[in-house]
Amino acid sequence: MIHSATECGSSSCSVIVCTYNGRPRIHEVLTAVKLAAKGLNVDLIVVDNNSIDGVGDFCREWAEENVESTFSVSVIQETLSGTSYARRAGVRRAKHDTIIFVDDDNIISQNYLKMACEIMTDRSVYAVGGAGVPEFETPPPAFVYNYLPWLACGAQFRSVDDLFLDVIDLTESQELNIYSAGLAVYRPALERLFDVEGFPVLSGRVGTKMVTAGEDIEYIYGLSLLGGRILSCPSMTFIHKISASRLNPEYFKKLADGNPPSARIHKLYAIAKRVDRTPTRTVRSILRGVRAIVSGGRASQFAFEMLASFGLSGIMTPDQRRVWAIARECRQQRGNRNRTVTLERSS
């Protein structure tokens, strides 16, 4: 079911809410999106990812009652289980160049969409993340506060000094651990990324099971490799409603079990991001690798950096080869796009 909306320039965005059995919490999520959409032209897409609790039917009824001339609503079904598939389905249906991902337990603030749209008017920006504020269903054990970023909570920054900034530029950060809850992205760039063969390496959550976590962070690395700026805005806040079922050691163990393969892939992306096959950078990569091996560091990661610097993909491990192929194609797309822009400006 699709209700139309008209274009409204920089005050337009598509909001994608992916849900799996989110019926108990979805009403509050959708109501917050509608409230934040006041004064904007918003296209809301709800993606029902194989739910069995009737959330899709509820959202269709809600859409019929809440559609307005500048607030359109689509409710679609994605039969392939997994957050990665659900997000892609939402992106395919999106109408506007600014896309904002809202999880089915996120209550965005009233100014969230407006702030995201304003930041994303700069088309050099490919992604901007917000700050999650936890709301626990029951009082959490003390250890949970040590792992709030695992729950998509807290401001996303490099140092304490960043917290005094309205907008934090994380583009040059070695690690880009930006969570997807509340993430705003530039749709044309994300679509180019989806066209890259082999992307993404990680699959994300399937139903309630964490198969390989961190595909959202992989999106950020990909957008950075395409040449986009990656920002964070601490003033863009949302409440993250965290159920009691997540507040136990077993849940965090599941997250941790999904993290080792994800962390390995993220590290390969971080290395691929800094590899520049120029003579000076190649020598630096070799020196880093030798220094790491001598000091007892993780030789395999620095071996990847050296192999990538020389373009020796044939002797990389399968994961290294796959990440390097994605990084290389992203860089090629970035180069082609830069040349096109230069030609358009000179003509």
C-alpha atoms as a PDB file:
ATOM      1  CA  MET A   1       0.000   0.000   0.000  1.00  0.00           C
ATOM      2  CA  ILE A   2       1.530   3.344  -1.088  1.00  0.00           C
ATOM      3  CA  HIS A   3       0.257   6.858  -0.486  1.00  0.00           C
ATOM      4  CA  SER A   4       1.873   9.608  -2.555  1.00  0.00           C
ATOM      5  CA  ALA A   5       3.609  12.775  -1.433  1.00  0.00           C
ATOM      6  CA  THR A   6       5.031  15.721  -3.322  1.00  0.00           C
ATOM      7  CA  GLU A   7       8.701  16.724  -3.469  1.00  0.00           C
ATOM      8  CA  CYS A   8       9.846  19.455  -1.110  1.00  0.00           C
ATOM      9  CA  GLY A   9      13.574  19.943  -1.782  1.00  0.00           C
ATOM     10  CA  SER A  10      15.961  19.888   1.162  1.00  0.00           C
ATOM     11  CA  SER A  11      13.086  19.455   3.649  1.00  0.00           C
ATOM     12  CA  SER A  12      12.326  16.009   2.263  1.00  0.00           C
ATOM     13  CA  CYS A  13      13.400  12.625   3.573  1.00  0.00           C
ATOM     14  CA  SER A  14      12.447   8.973   3.513  1.00  0.00           C
ATOM     15  CA  VAL A  15      12.219   7.217   6.885  1.00  0.00           C
ATOM     16  CA  ILE A  16      12.693   3.440   6.844  1.00  0.00           C
ATOM     17  CA  VAL A  17      11.464   1.397   9.804  1.00  0.00           C
ATOM     18  CA  CYS A  18      12.400  -2.295   9.589  1.00  0.00           C
ATOM     19  CA  THR A  19      10.476  -4.494  12.002  1.00  0.00           C
ATOM     20  CA  TYR A  20      10.434  -8.099  13.100  1.00  0.00           C
ATOM     21  CA  ASN A  21       7.566  -8.878  15.497  1.00  0.00           C
ATOM     22  CA  GLY A  22       7.510  -5.260  16.629  1.00  0.00           C
ATOM     23  CA  ARG A  23       3.754  -5.016  17.206  1.00  0.00           C
ATOM     24  CA  PRO A  24       3.962  -4.141  20.959  1.00  0.00           C
ATOM     25  CA  ARG A  25       6.213  -1.106  20.355  1.00  0.00           C
ATOM     26  CA  ILE A  26       5.582   0.033  16.771  1.00  0.00           C
ATOM     27  CA  HIS A  27       2.733   2.484  17.489  1.00  0.00           C
ATOM     28  CA  GLU A  28       4.949   4.733  19.602  1.00  0.00           C
ATOM     29  CA  VAL A  29       7.709   4.554  16.977  1.00  0.00           C
ATOM     30  CA  LEU A  30       5.416   5.577  14.099  1.00  0.00           C
ATOM     31  CA  THR A  31       3.738   8.316  16.138  1.00  0.00           C
ATOM     32  CA  ALA A  32       7.145   9.849  16.937  1.00  0.00           C
ATOM     33  CA  VAL A  33       8.082   9.803  13.228  1.00  0.00           C
ATOM     34  CA  LYS A  34       4.842  11.568  12.286  1.00  0.00           C
ATOM     35  CA  LEU A  35       5.368  14.190  14.985  1.00  0.00           C
ATOM     36  CA  ALA A  36       8.937  14.810  13.767  1.00  0.00           C
ATOM     37  CA  ALA A  37       7.661  15.085  10.178  1.00  0.00           C
ATOM     38  CA  LYS A  38       5.709  18.294  10.847  1.00  0.00           C
ATOM     39  CA  GLY A  39       6.775  20.995   8.380  1.00  0.00           C
ATOM     40  CA  LEU A  40       8.670  18.479   6.222  1.00  0.00           C
ATOM     41  CA  ASN A  41       7.836  16.261   3.291  1.00  0.00           C
ATOM     42  CA  VAL A  42       8.325  12.739   4.621  1.00  0.00           C
ATOM     43  CA  ASP A  43       7.992   9.354   2.968  1.00  0.00           C
ATOM     44  CA  LEU A  44       7.663   6.654   5.658  1.00  0.00           C
ATOM     45  CA  ILE A  45       8.384   3.060   4.640  1.00  0.00           C
ATOM     46  CA  VAL A  46       7.699   0.238   7.098  1.00  0.00           C
ATOM     47  CA  VAL A  47       9.372  -3.035   6.139  1.00  0.00           C
ATOM     48  CA  ASP A  48       7.794  -6.133   7.716  1.00  0.00           C
ATOM     49  CA  ASN A  49      10.600  -8.690   7.754  1.00  0.00           C
ATOM     50  CA  ASN A  50       8.695 -11.999   8.085  1.00  0.00           C
ATOM     51  CA  SER A  51       6.899 -11.047  11.298  1.00  0.00           C
ATOM     52  CA  ILE A  52       4.284 -13.387  12.752  1.00  0.00           C
ATOM     53  CA  ASP A  53       2.661 -11.028  15.265  1.00  0.00           C
ATOM     54  CA  GLY A  54       0.454  -9.024  12.874  1.00  0.00           C
ATOM     55  CA  VAL A  55       2.647  -5.914  12.903  1.00  0.00           C
ATOM     56  CA  GLY A  56       2.242  -5.482   9.141  1.00  0.00           C
ATOM     57  CA  ASP A  57      -1.567  -5.399   9.332  1.00  0.00           C
ATOM     58  CA  PHE A  58      -1.433  -2.956  12.241  1.00  0.00           C
ATOM     59  CA  CYS A  59       0.884  -0.627  10.272  1.00  0.00           C
ATOM     60  CA  ARG A  60      -1.440  -0.709   7.248  1.00  0.00           C
ATOM     61  CA  GLU A  61      -4.363   0.345   9.425  1.00  0.00           C
ATOM     62  CA  TRP A  62      -2.230   3.051  11.038  1.00  0.00           C
ATOM     63  CA  ALA A  63      -1.201   4.313   7.590  1.00  0.00           C
ATOM     64  CA  GLU A  64      -4.809   4.689   6.447  1.00  0.00           C
ATOM     65  CA  GLU A  65      -5.586   6.836   9.496  1.00  0.00           C
ATOM     66  CA  ASN A  66      -2.435   8.988   9.470  1.00  0.00           C
ATOM     67  CA  VAL A  67      -1.533   9.743   5.842  1.00  0.00           C
ATOM     68  CA  GLU A  68      -1.367  13.460   4.978  1.00  0.00           C
ATOM     69  CA  SER A  69      -0.473  15.467   1.884  1.00  0.00           C
ATOM     70  CA  THR A  70       3.177  15.767   2.976  1.00  0.00           C
ATOM     71  CA  PHE A  71       3.373  12.526   4.931  1.00  0.00           C
ATOM     72  CA  SER A  72       3.164   9.393   2.793  1.00  0.00           C
ATOM     73  CA  VAL A  73       3.247   5.847   4.150  1.00  0.00           C
ATOM     74  CA  SER A  74       4.196   2.531   2.526  1.00  0.00           C
ATOM     75  CA  VAL A  75       4.011  -0.849   4.243  1.00  0.00           C
ATOM     76  CA  ILE A  76       5.919  -3.574   2.427  1.00  0.00           C
ATOM     77  CA  GLN A  77       6.898  -7.177   3.069  1.00  0.00           C
ATOM     78  CA  GLU A  78      10.437  -8.514   2.763  1.00  0.00           C
ATOM     79  CA  THR A  79      10.398 -12.317   2.741  1.00  0.00           C
ATOM     80  CA  LEU A  80      14.184 -12.746   2.945  1.00  0.00           C
ATOM     81  CA  SER A  81      14.995 -12.697   6.655  1.00  0.00           C
ATOM     82  CA  GLY A  82      17.711 -10.339   7.796  1.00  0.00           C
ATOM     83  CA  THR A  83      18.169  -6.640   8.540  1.00  0.00           C
ATOM     84  CA  SER A  84      20.375  -6.221   5.477  1.00  0.00           C
ATOM     85  CA  TYR A  85      17.622  -7.495   3.153  1.00  0.00           C
ATOM     86  CA  ALA A  86      14.968  -5.421   4.934  1.00  0.00           C
ATOM     87  CA  ARG A  87      16.997  -2.221   4.639  1.00  0.00           C
ATOM     88  CA  ARG A  88      17.627  -2.816   0.942  1.00  0.00           C
ATOM     89  CA  ALA A  89      13.917  -3.327   0.361  1.00  0.00           C
ATOM     90  CA  GLY A  90      13.209  -0.027   2.089  1.00  0.00           C
ATOM     91  CA  VAL A  91      15.862   1.820   0.103  1.00  0.00           C
ATOM     92  CA  ARG A  92      14.402   0.492  -3.167  1.00  0.00           C
ATOM     93  CA  ARG A  93      11.025   2.004  -2.208  1.00  0.00           C
ATOM     94  CA  ALA A  94      12.376   5.336  -0.910  1.00  0.00           C
ATOM     95  CA  LYS A  95      11.496   8.484  -2.844  1.00  0.00           C
ATOM     96  CA  HIS A  96      13.891  11.057  -1.412  1.00  0.00           C
ATOM     97  CA  ASP A  97      17.672  11.448  -1.478  1.00  0.00           C
ATOM     98  CA  THR A  98      17.950  11.604   2.321  1.00  0.00           C
ATOM     99  CA  ILE A  99      17.124   8.316   4.025  1.00  0.00           C
ATOM    100  CA  ILE A 100      16.839   7.897   7.786  1.00  0.00           C
ATOM    101  CA  PHE A 101      16.867   4.408   9.315  1.00  0.00           C
ATOM    102  CA  VAL A 102      14.763   4.115  12.483  1.00  0.00           C
ATOM    103  CA  ASP A 103      14.665   0.817  14.365  1.00  0.00           C
ATOM    104  CA  ASP A 104      11.347  -0.502  15.650  1.00  0.00           C
ATOM    105  CA  ASP A 105      12.328   0.363  19.225  1.00  0.00           C
ATOM    106  CA  ASN A 106      13.567   3.922  18.521  1.00  0.00           C
ATOM    107  CA  ILE A 107      11.549   6.990  19.525  1.00  0.00           C
ATOM    108  CA  ILE A 108      13.097   9.886  17.621  1.00  0.00           C
ATOM    109  CA  SER A 109      13.033  13.426  19.041  1.00  0.00           C
ATOM    110  CA  GLN A 110      10.717  16.018  17.538  1.00  0.00           C
ATOM    111  CA  ASN A 111      13.550  17.857  15.742  1.00  0.00           C
ATOM    112  CA  TYR A 112      15.391  14.726  14.574  1.00  0.00           C
ATOM    113  CA  LEU A 113      14.258  14.681  10.945  1.00  0.00           C
ATOM    114  CA  LYS A 114      14.612  18.451  10.516  1.00  0.00           C
ATOM    115  CA  MET A 115      18.202  18.435  11.803  1.00  0.00           C
ATOM    116  CA  ALA A 116      19.119  15.440   9.647  1.00  0.00           C
ATOM    117  CA  CYS A 117      17.649  17.070   6.526  1.00  0.00           C
ATOM    118  CA  GLU A 118      19.543  20.308   7.183  1.00  0.00           C
ATOM    119  CA  ILE A 119      22.878  18.509   7.595  1.00  0.00           C
ATOM    120  CA  MET A 120      22.299  16.328   4.543  1.00  0.00           C
ATOM    121  CA  THR A 121      21.767  19.340   2.255  1.00  0.00           C
ATOM    122  CA  ASP A 122      25.572  19.244   1.957  1.00  0.00           C
ATOM    123  CA  ARG A 123      25.932  16.539  -0.686  1.00  0.00           C
ATOM    124  CA  SER A 124      29.512  15.817   0.348  1.00  0.00           C
ATOM    125  CA  VAL A 125      27.953  14.240   3.460  1.00  0.00           C
ATOM    126  CA  TYR A 126      27.014  10.603   2.908  1.00  0.00           C
ATOM    127  CA  ALA A 127      26.022   9.705   6.488  1.00  0.00           C
ATOM    128  CA  VAL A 128      25.233  11.329   9.833  1.00  0.00           C
ATOM    129  CA  GLY A 129      24.539   9.459  13.044  1.00  0.00           C
ATOM    130  CA  GLY A 130      22.575  10.543  16.110  1.00  0.00           C
ATOM    131  CA  ALA A 131      22.766   9.733  19.813  1.00  0.00           C
ATOM    132  CA  GLY A 132      20.693   7.024  21.455  1.00  0.00           C
ATOM    133  CA  VAL A 133      19.343   7.538  24.972  1.00  0.00           C
ATOM    134  CA  PRO A 134      18.534   4.251  26.743  1.00  0.00           C
ATOM    135  CA  GLU A 135      15.153   3.627  28.314  1.00  0.00           C
ATOM    136  CA  PHE A 136      15.229   0.302  30.127  1.00  0.00           C
ATOM    137  CA  GLU A 137      12.120  -1.798  30.632  1.00  0.00           C
ATOM    138  CA  THR A 138      13.508  -2.906  33.993  1.00  0.00           C
ATOM    139  CA  PRO A 139      16.459  -1.583  36.037  1.00  0.00           C
ATOM    140  CA  PRO A 140      19.603  -2.921  34.324  1.00  0.00           C
ATOM    141  CA  PRO A 141      22.505  -4.709  36.009  1.00  0.00           C
ATOM    142  CA  ALA A 142      25.503  -2.425  36.546  1.00  0.00           C
ATOM    143  CA  PHE A 143      27.606  -4.136  33.851  1.00  0.00           C
ATOM    144  CA  VAL A 144      25.192  -2.986  31.101  1.00  0.00           C
ATOM    145  CA  TYR A 145      26.420   0.609  31.390  1.00  0.00           C
ATOM    146  CA  ASN A 146      29.867  -0.527  30.215  1.00  0.00           C
ATOM    147  CA  TYR A 147      28.359  -1.727  26.930  1.00  0.00           C
ATOM    148  CA  LEU A 148      25.917   1.039  25.980  1.00  0.00           C
ATOM    149  CA  PRO A 149      27.440   1.480  22.479  1.00  0.00           C
ATOM    150  CA  TRP A 150      26.556  -2.199  21.848  1.00  0.00           C
ATOM    151  CA  LEU A 151      22.944  -1.132  22.435  1.00  0.00           C
ATOM    152  CA  ALA A 152      23.175   1.829  20.025  1.00  0.00           C
ATOM    153  CA  CYS A 153      23.263   4.313  22.890  1.00  0.00           C
ATOM    154  CA  GLY A 154      25.424   7.337  23.574  1.00  0.00           C
ATOM    155  CA  ALA A 155      26.980  10.051  21.429  1.00  0.00           C
ATOM    156  CA  GLN A 156      29.326   8.916  18.660  1.00  0.00           C
ATOM    157  CA  PHE A 157      32.642  10.762  18.912  1.00  0.00           C
ATOM    158  CA  ARG A 158      36.445  10.439  18.840  1.00  0.00           C
ATOM    159  CA  SER A 159      37.407  12.365  21.980  1.00  0.00           C
ATOM    160  CA  VAL A 160      35.791  14.310  24.817  1.00  0.00           C
ATOM    161  CA  ASP A 161      36.569  17.559  22.972  1.00  0.00           C
ATOM    162  CA  ASP A 162      34.159  16.470  20.222  1.00  0.00           C
ATOM    163  CA  LEU A 163      31.228  16.684  22.623  1.00  0.00           C
ATOM    164  CA  PHE A 164      31.454  20.496  22.508  1.00  0.00           C
ATOM    165  CA  LEU A 165      30.834  20.470  18.748  1.00  0.00           C
ATOM    166  CA  ASP A 166      27.413  20.720  17.128  1.00  0.00           C
ATOM    167  CA  VAL A 167      28.476  18.349  14.373  1.00  0.00           C
ATOM    168  CA  ILE A 168      31.435  15.944  14.591  1.00  0.00           C
ATOM    169  CA  ASP A 169      33.337  15.011  11.426  1.00  0.00           C
ATOM    170  CA  LEU A 170      34.451  11.384  11.747  1.00  0.00           C
ATOM    171  CA  THR A 171      35.546  10.966   8.120  1.00  0.00           C
ATOM    172  CA  GLU A 172      39.257  10.641   8.866  1.00  0.00           C
ATOM    173  CA  SER A 173      38.785   8.441  11.926  1.00  0.00           C
ATOM    174  CA  GLN A 174      40.615   5.145  11.676  1.00  0.00           C
ATOM    175  CA  GLU A 175      37.570   3.294  13.007  1.00  0.00           C
ATOM    176  CA  LEU A 176      34.037   4.184  11.883  1.00  0.00           C
ATOM    177  CA  ASN A 177      31.843   2.477  14.469  1.00  0.00           C
ATOM    178  CA  ILE A 178      28.645   4.356  13.661  1.00  0.00           C
ATOM    179  CA  TYR A 179      25.477   2.448  14.520  1.00  0.00           C
ATOM    180  CA  SER A 180      22.541   2.321  12.110  1.00  0.00           C
ATOM    181  CA  ALA A 181      19.816   3.260  14.611  1.00  0.00           C
ATOM    182  CA  GLY A 182      18.767   6.768  13.613  1.00  0.00           C
ATOM    183  CA  LEU A 183      21.346   6.866  10.806  1.00  0.00           C
ATOM    184  CA  ALA A 184      20.767   9.349   7.968  1.00  0.00           C
ATOM    185  CA  VAL A 185      22.363   8.453   4.624  1.00  0.00           C
ATOM    186  CA  TYR A 186      22.534   9.850   1.092  1.00  0.00           C
ATOM    187  CA  ARG A 187      20.418   7.468  -0.984  1.00  0.00           C
ATOM    188  CA  PRO A 188      22.260   7.774  -4.355  1.00  0.00           C
ATOM    189  CA  ALA A 189      25.548   6.890  -2.626  1.00  0.00           C
ATOM    190  CA  LEU A 190      23.966   3.961  -0.776  1.00  0.00           C
ATOM    191  CA  GLU A 191      22.488   2.641  -4.022  1.00  0.00           C
ATOM    192  CA  ARG A 192      25.921   2.831  -5.667  1.00  0.00           C
ATOM    193  CA  LEU A 193      27.300   0.888  -2.716  1.00  0.00           C
ATOM    194  CA  PHE A 194      24.624  -1.800  -3.087  1.00  0.00           C
ATOM    195  CA  ASP A 195      25.690  -2.189  -6.725  1.00  0.00           C
ATOM    196  CA  VAL A 196      29.250  -3.100  -5.681  1.00  0.00           C
ATOM    197  CA  GLU A 197      29.783  -6.820  -6.257  1.00  0.00           C
ATOM    198  CA  GLY A 198      30.165  -8.784  -3.011  1.00  0.00           C
ATOM    199  CA  PHE A 199      28.801  -6.044  -0.755  1.00  0.00           C
ATOM    200  CA  PRO A 200      28.032  -6.451   2.091  1.00  0.00           C
ATOM    201  CA  VAL A 201      30.250  -9.165   3.550  1.00  0.00           C
ATOM    202  CA  LEU A 202      28.247  -9.269   6.800  1.00  0.00           C
ATOM    203  CA  SER A 203      24.574 -10.259   6.981  1.00  0.00           C
ATOM    204  CA  GLY A 204      23.416  -8.722  10.274  1.00  0.00           C
ATOM    205  CA  ARG A 205      20.525  -9.848  12.434  1.00  0.00           C
ATOM    206  CA  VAL A 206      18.138 -12.546  11.161  1.00  0.00           C
ATOM    207  CA  GLY A 207      14.951 -12.417  13.225  1.00  0.00           C
ATOM    208  CA  THR A 208      16.170 -12.442  16.817  1.00  0.00           C
ATOM    209  CA  LYS A 209      19.401 -14.257  15.925  1.00  0.00           C
ATOM    210  CA  MET A 210      22.685 -12.404  15.501  1.00  0.00           C
ATOM    211  CA  VAL A 211      24.307 -14.200  12.546  1.00  0.00           C
ATOM    212  CA  THR A 212      27.107 -11.747  11.842  1.00  0.00           C
ATOM    213  CA  ALA A 213      26.684  -8.392  13.540  1.00  0.00           C
ATOM    214  CA  GLY A 214      28.016  -5.116  12.234  1.00  0.00           C
ATOM    215  CA  GLU A 215      26.696  -4.885   8.670  1.00  0.00           C
ATOM    216  CA  ASP A 216      25.594  -1.327   9.522  1.00  0.00           C
ATOM    217  CA  ILE A 217      29.201  -0.357  10.295  1.00  0.00           C
ATOM    218  CA  GLU A 218      30.198  -1.995   7.003  1.00  0.00           C
ATOM    219  CA  TYR A 219      27.795   0.431   5.270  1.00  0.00           C
ATOM    220  CA  ILE A 220      29.673   3.340   6.863  1.00  0.00           C
ATOM    221  CA  TYR A 221      33.059   2.083   5.690  1.00  0.00           C
ATOM    222  CA  GLY A 222      31.661   1.608   2.186  1.00  0.00           C
ATOM    223  CA  LEU A 223      30.215   5.133   2.060  1.00  0.00           C
ATOM    224  CA  SER A 224      33.547   6.506   3.260  1.00  0.00           C
ATOM    225  CA  LEU A 225      35.418   4.580   0.550  1.00  0.00           C
ATOM    226  CA  LEU A 226      33.041   6.111  -2.004  1.00  0.00           C
ATOM    227  CA  GLY A 227      34.402   9.482  -0.896  1.00  0.00           C
ATOM    228  CA  GLY A 228      31.609  10.730   1.360  1.00  0.00           C
ATOM    229  CA  ARG A 229      31.958  12.561   4.643  1.00  0.00           C
ATOM    230  CA  ILE A 230      30.792  10.738   7.778  1.00  0.00           C
ATOM    231  CA  LEU A 231      29.364  12.908  10.538  1.00  0.00           C
ATOM    232  CA  SER A 232      27.805  12.587  13.977  1.00  0.00           C
ATOM    233  CA  CYS A 233      25.395  15.033  15.603  1.00  0.00           C
ATOM    234  CA  PRO A 234      25.001  14.634  19.400  1.00  0.00           C
ATOM    235  CA  SER A 235      21.915  16.903  19.326  1.00  0.00           C
ATOM    236  CA  MET A 236      20.037  14.419  17.140  1.00  0.00           C
ATOM    237  CA  THR A 237      18.700  12.202  19.900  1.00  0.00           C
ATOM    238  CA  PHE A 238      16.348   9.270  20.072  1.00  0.00           C
ATOM    239  CA  ILE A 239      15.108   7.093  22.908  1.00  0.00           C
ATOM    240  CA  HIS A 240      16.140   3.459  22.543  1.00  0.00           C
ATOM    241  CA  LYS A 241      13.602   1.306  24.388  1.00  0.00           C
ATOM    242  CA  ILE A 242      15.535  -1.718  25.651  1.00  0.00           C
ATOM    243  CA  SER A 243      13.543  -4.751  26.713  1.00  0.00           C
ATOM    244  CA  ALA A 244      14.307  -6.776  29.829  1.00  0.00           C
ATOM    245  CA  SER A 245      15.286  -9.745  27.625  1.00  0.00           C
ATOM    246  CA  ARG A 246      18.416  -7.851  26.559  1.00  0.00           C
ATOM    247  CA  LEU A 247      19.572  -7.046  30.066  1.00  0.00           C
ATOM    248  CA  ASN A 248      21.336 -10.290  30.891  1.00  0.00           C
ATOM    249  CA  PRO A 249      24.813 -11.734  30.350  1.00  0.00           C
ATOM    250  CA  GLU A 250      23.514 -14.287  27.814  1.00  0.00           C
ATOM    251  CA  TYR A 251      22.325 -11.547  25.427  1.00  0.00           C
ATOM    252  CA  PHE A 252      25.670  -9.760  25.574  1.00  0.00           C
ATOM    253  CA  LYS A 253      27.436 -13.064  25.026  1.00  0.00           C
ATOM    254  CA  LYS A 254      25.410 -13.509  21.831  1.00  0.00           C
ATOM    255  CA  LEU A 255      26.514 -10.043  20.733  1.00  0.00           C
ATOM    256  CA  ALA A 256      30.111 -10.886  21.598  1.00  0.00           C
ATOM    257  CA  ASP A 257      29.915 -14.175  19.675  1.00  0.00           C
ATOM    258  CA  GLY A 258      28.842 -12.209  16.602  1.00  0.00           C
ATOM    259  CA  ASN A 259      31.556  -9.620  17.088  1.00  0.00           C
ATOM    260  CA  PRO A 260      34.835 -11.500  16.365  1.00  0.00           C
ATOM    261  CA  PRO A 261      34.110 -12.107  12.647  1.00  0.00           C
ATOM    262  CA  SER A 262      32.577  -8.645  12.378  1.00  0.00           C
ATOM    263  CA  ALA A 263      35.513  -6.970  14.110  1.00  0.00           C
ATOM    264  CA  ARG A 264      37.895  -8.759  11.752  1.00  0.00           C
ATOM    265  CA  ILE A 265      35.992  -7.521   8.683  1.00  0.00           C
ATOM    266  CA  HIS A 266      35.734  -3.988  10.099  1.00  0.00           C
ATOM    267  CA  LYS A 267      39.496  -3.954  10.707  1.00  0.00           C
ATOM    268  CA  LEU A 268      40.130  -5.002   7.105  1.00  0.00           C
ATOM    269  CA  TYR A 269      37.936  -2.133   5.927  1.00  0.00           C
ATOM    270  CA  ALA A 270      39.811   0.294   8.184  1.00  0.00           C
ATOM    271  CA  ILE A 271      43.107  -0.864   6.662  1.00  0.00           C
ATOM    272  CA  ALA A 272      41.731  -0.764   3.106  1.00  0.00           C
ATOM    273  CA  LYS A 273      40.481   2.772   3.780  1.00  0.00           C
ATOM    274  CA  ARG A 274      43.977   4.047   4.560  1.00  0.00           C
ATOM    275  CA  VAL A 275      45.819   2.144   1.813  1.00  0.00           C
ATOM    276  CA  ASP A 276      46.894   4.453  -0.984  1.00  0.00           C
ATOM    277  CA  ARG A 277      49.019   2.805  -3.658  1.00  0.00           C
ATOM    278  CA  THR A 278      51.493   5.663  -4.009  1.00  0.00           C
ATOM    279  CA  PRO A 279      55.233   5.053  -3.419  1.00  0.00           C
ATOM    280  CA  THR A 280      55.316   7.033  -0.169  1.00  0.00           C
ATOM    281  CA  ARG A 281      52.249   5.345   1.328  1.00  0.00           C
ATOM    282  CA  THR A 282      53.464   1.924   0.170  1.00  0.00           C
ATOM    283  CA  VAL A 283      56.755   2.392   2.024  1.00  0.00           C
ATOM    284  CA  ARG A 284      54.849   3.509   5.120  1.00  0.00           C
ATOM    285  CA  SER A 285      52.661   0.396   4.930  1.00  0.00           C
ATOM    286  CA  ILE A 286      55.752  -1.837   4.753  1.00  0.00           C
ATOM    287  CA  LEU A 287      57.348  -0.071   7.723  1.00  0.00           C
ATOM    288  CA  ARG A 288      54.133  -0.399   9.752  1.00  0.00           C
ATOM    289  CA  GLY A 289      53.984  -4.101   8.947  1.00  0.00           C
ATOM    290  CA  VAL A 290      57.610  -4.738   9.899  1.00  0.00           C
ATOM    291  CA  ARG A 291      57.240  -2.705  13.098  1.00  0.00           C
ATOM    292  CA  ALA A 292      54.098  -4.610  14.091  1.00  0.00           C
ATOM    293  CA  ILE A 293      55.682  -7.996  13.483  1.00  0.00           C
ATOM    294  CA  VAL A 294      58.839  -7.067  15.422  1.00  0.00           C
ATOM    295  CA  SER A 295      56.771  -5.772  18.341  1.00  0.00           C
ATOM    296  CA  GLY A 296      54.553  -8.862  18.394  1.00  0.00           C
ATOM    297  CA  GLY A 297      51.512  -7.195  16.794  1.00  0.00           C
ATOM    298  CA  ARG A 298      48.902  -8.849  14.591  1.00  0.00           C
ATOM    299  CA  ALA A 299      50.990  -9.643  11.558  1.00  0.00           C
ATOM    300  CA  SER A 300      48.054 -10.806   9.392  1.00  0.00           C
ATOM    301  CA  GLN A 301      46.415  -7.376   9.430  1.00  0.00           C
ATOM    302  CA  PHE A 302      49.577  -5.571   8.454  1.00  0.00           C
ATOM    303  CA  ALA A 303      50.350  -8.254   5.889  1.00  0.00           C
ATOM    304  CA  PHE A 304      47.002  -7.342   4.309  1.00  0.00           C
ATOM    305  CA  GLU A 305      48.040  -3.694   4.229  1.00  0.00           C
ATOM    306  CA  MET A 306      51.294  -4.538   2.456  1.00  0.00           C
ATOM    307  CA  LEU A 307      49.605  -6.890  -0.013  1.00  0.00           C
ATOM    308  CA  ALA A 308      46.957  -4.264  -0.760  1.00  0.00           C
ATOM    309  CA  SER A 309      49.613  -1.578  -1.222  1.00  0.00           C
ATOM    310  CA  PHE A 310      51.262  -3.714  -3.900  1.00  0.00           C
ATOM    311  CA  GLY A 311      47.938  -4.926  -5.352  1.00  0.00           C
ATOM    312  CA  LEU A 312      48.777  -8.577  -4.606  1.00  0.00           C
ATOM    313  CA  SER A 313      45.217  -9.816  -4.148  1.00  0.00           C
ATOM    314  CA  GLY A 314      46.058 -13.305  -5.416  1.00  0.00           C
ATOM    315  CA  ILE A 315      47.772 -14.306  -2.158  1.00  0.00           C
ATOM    316  CA  MET A 316      45.295 -12.695   0.223  1.00  0.00           C
ATOM    317  CA  THR A 317      42.940 -14.717   2.397  1.00  0.00           C
ATOM    318  CA  PRO A 318      39.333 -14.996   1.077  1.00  0.00           C
ATOM    319  CA  ASP A 319      38.051 -12.322   3.490  1.00  0.00           C
ATOM    320  CA  GLN A 320      40.949 -10.002   2.658  1.00  0.00           C
ATOM    321  CA  ARG A 321      40.397 -10.506  -1.069  1.00  0.00           C
ATOM    322  CA  ARG A 322      36.678  -9.786  -0.797  1.00  0.00           C
ATOM    323  CA  VAL A 323      37.094  -6.608   1.269  1.00  0.00           C
ATOM    324  CA  TRP A 324      39.902  -5.381  -0.992  1.00  0.00           C
ATOM    325  CA  ALA A 325      37.795  -5.970  -4.120  1.00  0.00           C
ATOM    326  CA  ILE A 326      34.941  -3.944  -2.584  1.00  0.00           C
ATOM    327  CA  ALA A 327      37.317  -1.155  -1.533  1.00  0.00           C
ATOM    328  CA  ARG A 328      38.941  -1.069  -4.971  1.00  0.00           C
ATOM    329  CA  GLU A 329      35.588  -0.795  -6.781  1.00  0.00           C
ATOM    330  CA  CYS A 330      34.406   1.916  -4.385  1.00  0.00           C
ATOM    331  CA  ARG A 331      37.570   3.901  -5.058  1.00  0.00           C
ATOM    332  CA  GLN A 332      37.142   3.435  -8.794  1.00  0.00           C
ATOM    333  CA  GLN A 333      33.556   4.733  -8.584  1.00  0.00           C
ATOM    334  CA  ARG A 334      34.784   7.703  -6.543  1.00  0.00           C
ATOM    335  CA  GLY A 335      37.449   8.497  -9.140  1.00  0.00           C
ATOM    336  CA  ASN A 336      34.980   8.251 -12.012  1.00  0.00           C
ATOM    337  CA  ARG A 337      32.524  10.496 -10.182  1.00  0.00           C
ATOM    338  CA  ASN A 338      35.208  13.097  -9.387  1.00  0.00           C
ATOM    339  CA  ARG A 339      36.245  13.202 -13.049  1.00  0.00           C
ATOM    340  CA  THR A 340      32.618  13.639 -14.116  1.00  0.00           C
ATOM    341  CA  VAL A 341      32.125  16.517 -11.673  1.00  0.00           C
ATOM    342  CA  THR A 342      35.347  18.177 -12.891  1.00  0.00           C
ATOM    343  CA  LEU A 343      34.229  17.922 -16.524  1.00  0.00           C
ATOM    344  CA  GLU A 344      30.788  19.343 -15.698  1.00  0.00           C
ATOM    345  CA  ARG A 345      32.351  22.325 -13.907  1.00  0.00           C
ATOM    346  CA  SER A 346      34.782  23.048 -16.737  1.00  0.00           C
ATOM    347  CA  SER A 347      32.130  22.866 -19.482  1.00  0.00           C
END
